[in-house]
Amino acid sequence: MALFRFSEIKKKTVVAIDKKLGKTRDLYFDDIAWKVRYLVVDTWKWLPGKKVLVSPESVKTLVEHAPIPLGLTEAQLAECPDF
């Protein structure tokens, strides 16, 4: 298991199966289980002004100095709940 500081994840590019989609802006934690519940993804140019909540289970891998790949398509990400 790898550990990452939030500063290493914030503003990382998020890539869907079929397209580069945005950047991470924040994280939501479960204060009882101490788990990340959601990544807040700013969809910038793709859906201007929109931020969505993405489940961490959607993240395929997390590698230092690399974009965050999601196991979601562009259409699935558009259906994620708004921030």
C-alpha atoms as a PDB file:
ATOM      1  CA  MET A   1       0.000   0.000   0.000  1.00  0.00           C
ATOM      2  CA  ALA A   2       1.385   3.373  -0.988  1.00  0.00           C
ATOM      3  CA  LEU A   3       0.718   6.534   0.983  1.00  0.00           C
ATOM      4  CA  PHE A   4       0.361   9.931  -0.678  1.00  0.00           C
ATOM      5  CA  ARG A   5       0.087  13.386   0.816  1.00  0.00           C
ATOM      6  CA  PHE A   6      -2.806  15.523  -0.369  1.00  0.00           C
ATOM      7  CA  SER A   7      -0.343  18.030  -1.803  1.00  0.00           C
ATOM      8  CA  GLU A   8       0.858  15.264  -4.160  1.00  0.00           C
ATOM      9  CA  ILE A   9      -2.682  14.569  -5.375  1.00  0.00           C
ATOM     10  CA  LYS A  10      -4.120  18.093  -5.527  1.00  0.00           C
ATOM     11  CA  LYS A  11      -4.283  19.560  -9.030  1.00  0.00           C
ATOM     12  CA  LYS A  12      -3.289  16.261 -10.671  1.00  0.00           C
ATOM     13  CA  THR A  13      -4.776  15.619 -14.082  1.00  0.00           C
ATOM     14  CA  VAL A  14      -7.655  13.138 -14.112  1.00  0.00           C
ATOM     15  CA  VAL A  15      -7.968  10.887 -17.156  1.00  0.00           C
ATOM     16  CA  ALA A  16     -11.072   8.880 -18.053  1.00  0.00           C
ATOM     17  CA  ILE A  17     -10.967   5.784 -20.232  1.00  0.00           C
ATOM     18  CA  ASP A  18     -11.551   7.889 -23.323  1.00  0.00           C
ATOM     19  CA  LYS A  19     -10.391  11.449 -22.524  1.00  0.00           C
ATOM     20  CA  LYS A  20      -8.419  13.837 -20.261  1.00  0.00           C
ATOM     21  CA  LEU A  21     -11.123  15.393 -18.142  1.00  0.00           C
ATOM     22  CA  GLY A  22      -9.919  17.690 -15.400  1.00  0.00           C
ATOM     23  CA  LYS A  23      -7.906  18.082 -12.220  1.00  0.00           C
ATOM     24  CA  THR A  24      -8.358  17.108  -8.599  1.00  0.00           C
ATOM     25  CA  ARG A  25      -9.270  20.027  -6.336  1.00  0.00           C
ATOM     26  CA  ASP A  26     -10.144  18.489  -2.973  1.00  0.00           C
ATOM     27  CA  LEU A  27     -10.884  15.318  -1.025  1.00  0.00           C
ATOM     28  CA  TYR A  28     -13.784  14.398   1.248  1.00  0.00           C
ATOM     29  CA  PHE A  29     -13.003  12.158   4.214  1.00  0.00           C
ATOM     30  CA  ASP A  30     -15.182   9.925   6.326  1.00  0.00           C
ATOM     31  CA  ASP A  31     -14.292  11.178   9.808  1.00  0.00           C
ATOM     32  CA  ILE A  32     -15.261   7.906  11.501  1.00  0.00           C
ATOM     33  CA  ALA A  33     -13.575   5.371   9.199  1.00  0.00           C
ATOM     34  CA  TRP A  34     -10.747   7.761   8.183  1.00  0.00           C
ATOM     35  CA  LYS A  35     -11.198   6.927   4.517  1.00  0.00           C
ATOM     36  CA  VAL A  36     -11.370   9.102   1.445  1.00  0.00           C
ATOM     37  CA  ARG A  37     -15.011   9.107   0.319  1.00  0.00           C
ATOM     38  CA  TYR A  38     -14.728  11.354  -2.757  1.00  0.00           C
ATOM     39  CA  LEU A  39     -12.269  13.178  -4.947  1.00  0.00           C
ATOM     40  CA  VAL A  40     -13.519  16.578  -6.067  1.00  0.00           C
ATOM     41  CA  VAL A  41     -12.691  16.871  -9.773  1.00  0.00           C
ATOM     42  CA  ASP A  42     -12.802  20.225 -11.538  1.00  0.00           C
ATOM     43  CA  THR A  43     -13.866  19.483 -15.117  1.00  0.00           C
ATOM     44  CA  TRP A  44     -12.419  22.826 -16.343  1.00  0.00           C
ATOM     45  CA  LYS A  45     -12.660  23.121 -20.167  1.00  0.00           C
ATOM     46  CA  TRP A  46     -14.638  19.922 -20.670  1.00  0.00           C
ATOM     47  CA  LEU A  47     -17.615  21.052 -18.528  1.00  0.00           C
ATOM     48  CA  PRO A  48     -16.701  24.652 -17.583  1.00  0.00           C
ATOM     49  CA  GLY A  49     -17.452  25.663 -14.019  1.00  0.00           C
ATOM     50  CA  LYS A  50     -18.512  22.167 -12.937  1.00  0.00           C
ATOM     51  CA  LYS A  51     -16.973  20.113 -10.142  1.00  0.00           C
ATOM     52  CA  VAL A  52     -18.027  16.518  -9.567  1.00  0.00           C
ATOM     53  CA  LEU A  53     -17.606  13.991  -6.771  1.00  0.00           C
ATOM     54  CA  VAL A  54     -15.776  10.828  -7.847  1.00  0.00           C
ATOM     55  CA  SER A  55     -15.553   7.701  -5.731  1.00  0.00           C
ATOM     56  CA  PRO A  56     -11.979   6.584  -4.970  1.00  0.00           C
ATOM     57  CA  GLU A  57     -13.007   3.106  -6.132  1.00  0.00           C
ATOM     58  CA  SER A  58     -13.021   4.569  -9.651  1.00  0.00           C
ATOM     59  CA  VAL A  59      -9.272   5.260  -9.472  1.00  0.00           C
ATOM     60  CA  LYS A  60      -7.357   2.502 -11.269  1.00  0.00           C
ATOM     61  CA  THR A  61      -3.886   3.271  -9.900  1.00  0.00           C
ATOM     62  CA  LEU A  62      -2.152   6.128  -8.166  1.00  0.00           C
ATOM     63  CA  VAL A  63       1.423   6.744  -9.260  1.00  0.00           C
ATOM     64  CA  GLU A  64       3.611   9.669  -8.295  1.00  0.00           C
ATOM     65  CA  HIS A  65       4.170  12.216 -11.120  1.00  0.00           C
ATOM     66  CA  ALA A  66       1.504  10.648 -13.351  1.00  0.00           C
ATOM     67  CA  PRO A  67      -2.131  11.518 -14.161  1.00  0.00           C
ATOM     68  CA  ILE A  68      -4.854   9.791 -12.167  1.00  0.00           C
ATOM     69  CA  PRO A  69      -6.558   7.209 -14.418  1.00  0.00           C
ATOM     70  CA  LEU A  70     -10.211   6.485 -13.756  1.00  0.00           C
ATOM     71  CA  GLY A  71     -12.139   3.396 -14.771  1.00  0.00           C
ATOM     72  CA  LEU A  72     -14.926   5.677 -16.020  1.00  0.00           C
ATOM     73  CA  THR A  73     -15.851   7.003 -19.430  1.00  0.00           C
ATOM     74  CA  GLU A  74     -16.531  10.656 -20.195  1.00  0.00           C
ATOM     75  CA  ALA A  75     -20.292   9.987 -20.073  1.00  0.00           C
ATOM     76  CA  GLN A  76     -20.060   8.228 -16.706  1.00  0.00           C
ATOM     77  CA  LEU A  77     -18.054  11.085 -15.209  1.00  0.00           C
ATOM     78  CA  ALA A  78     -20.662  13.569 -16.439  1.00  0.00           C
ATOM     79  CA  GLU A  79     -23.253  11.610 -14.393  1.00  0.00           C
ATOM     80  CA  CYS A  80     -21.253  11.874 -11.128  1.00  0.00           C
ATOM     81  CA  PRO A  81     -22.886  14.004  -8.422  1.00  0.00           C
ATOM     82  CA  ASP A  82     -22.140  17.713  -8.459  1.00  0.00           C
ATOM     83  CA  PHE A  83     -19.900  19.162  -5.782  1.00  0.00           C
END
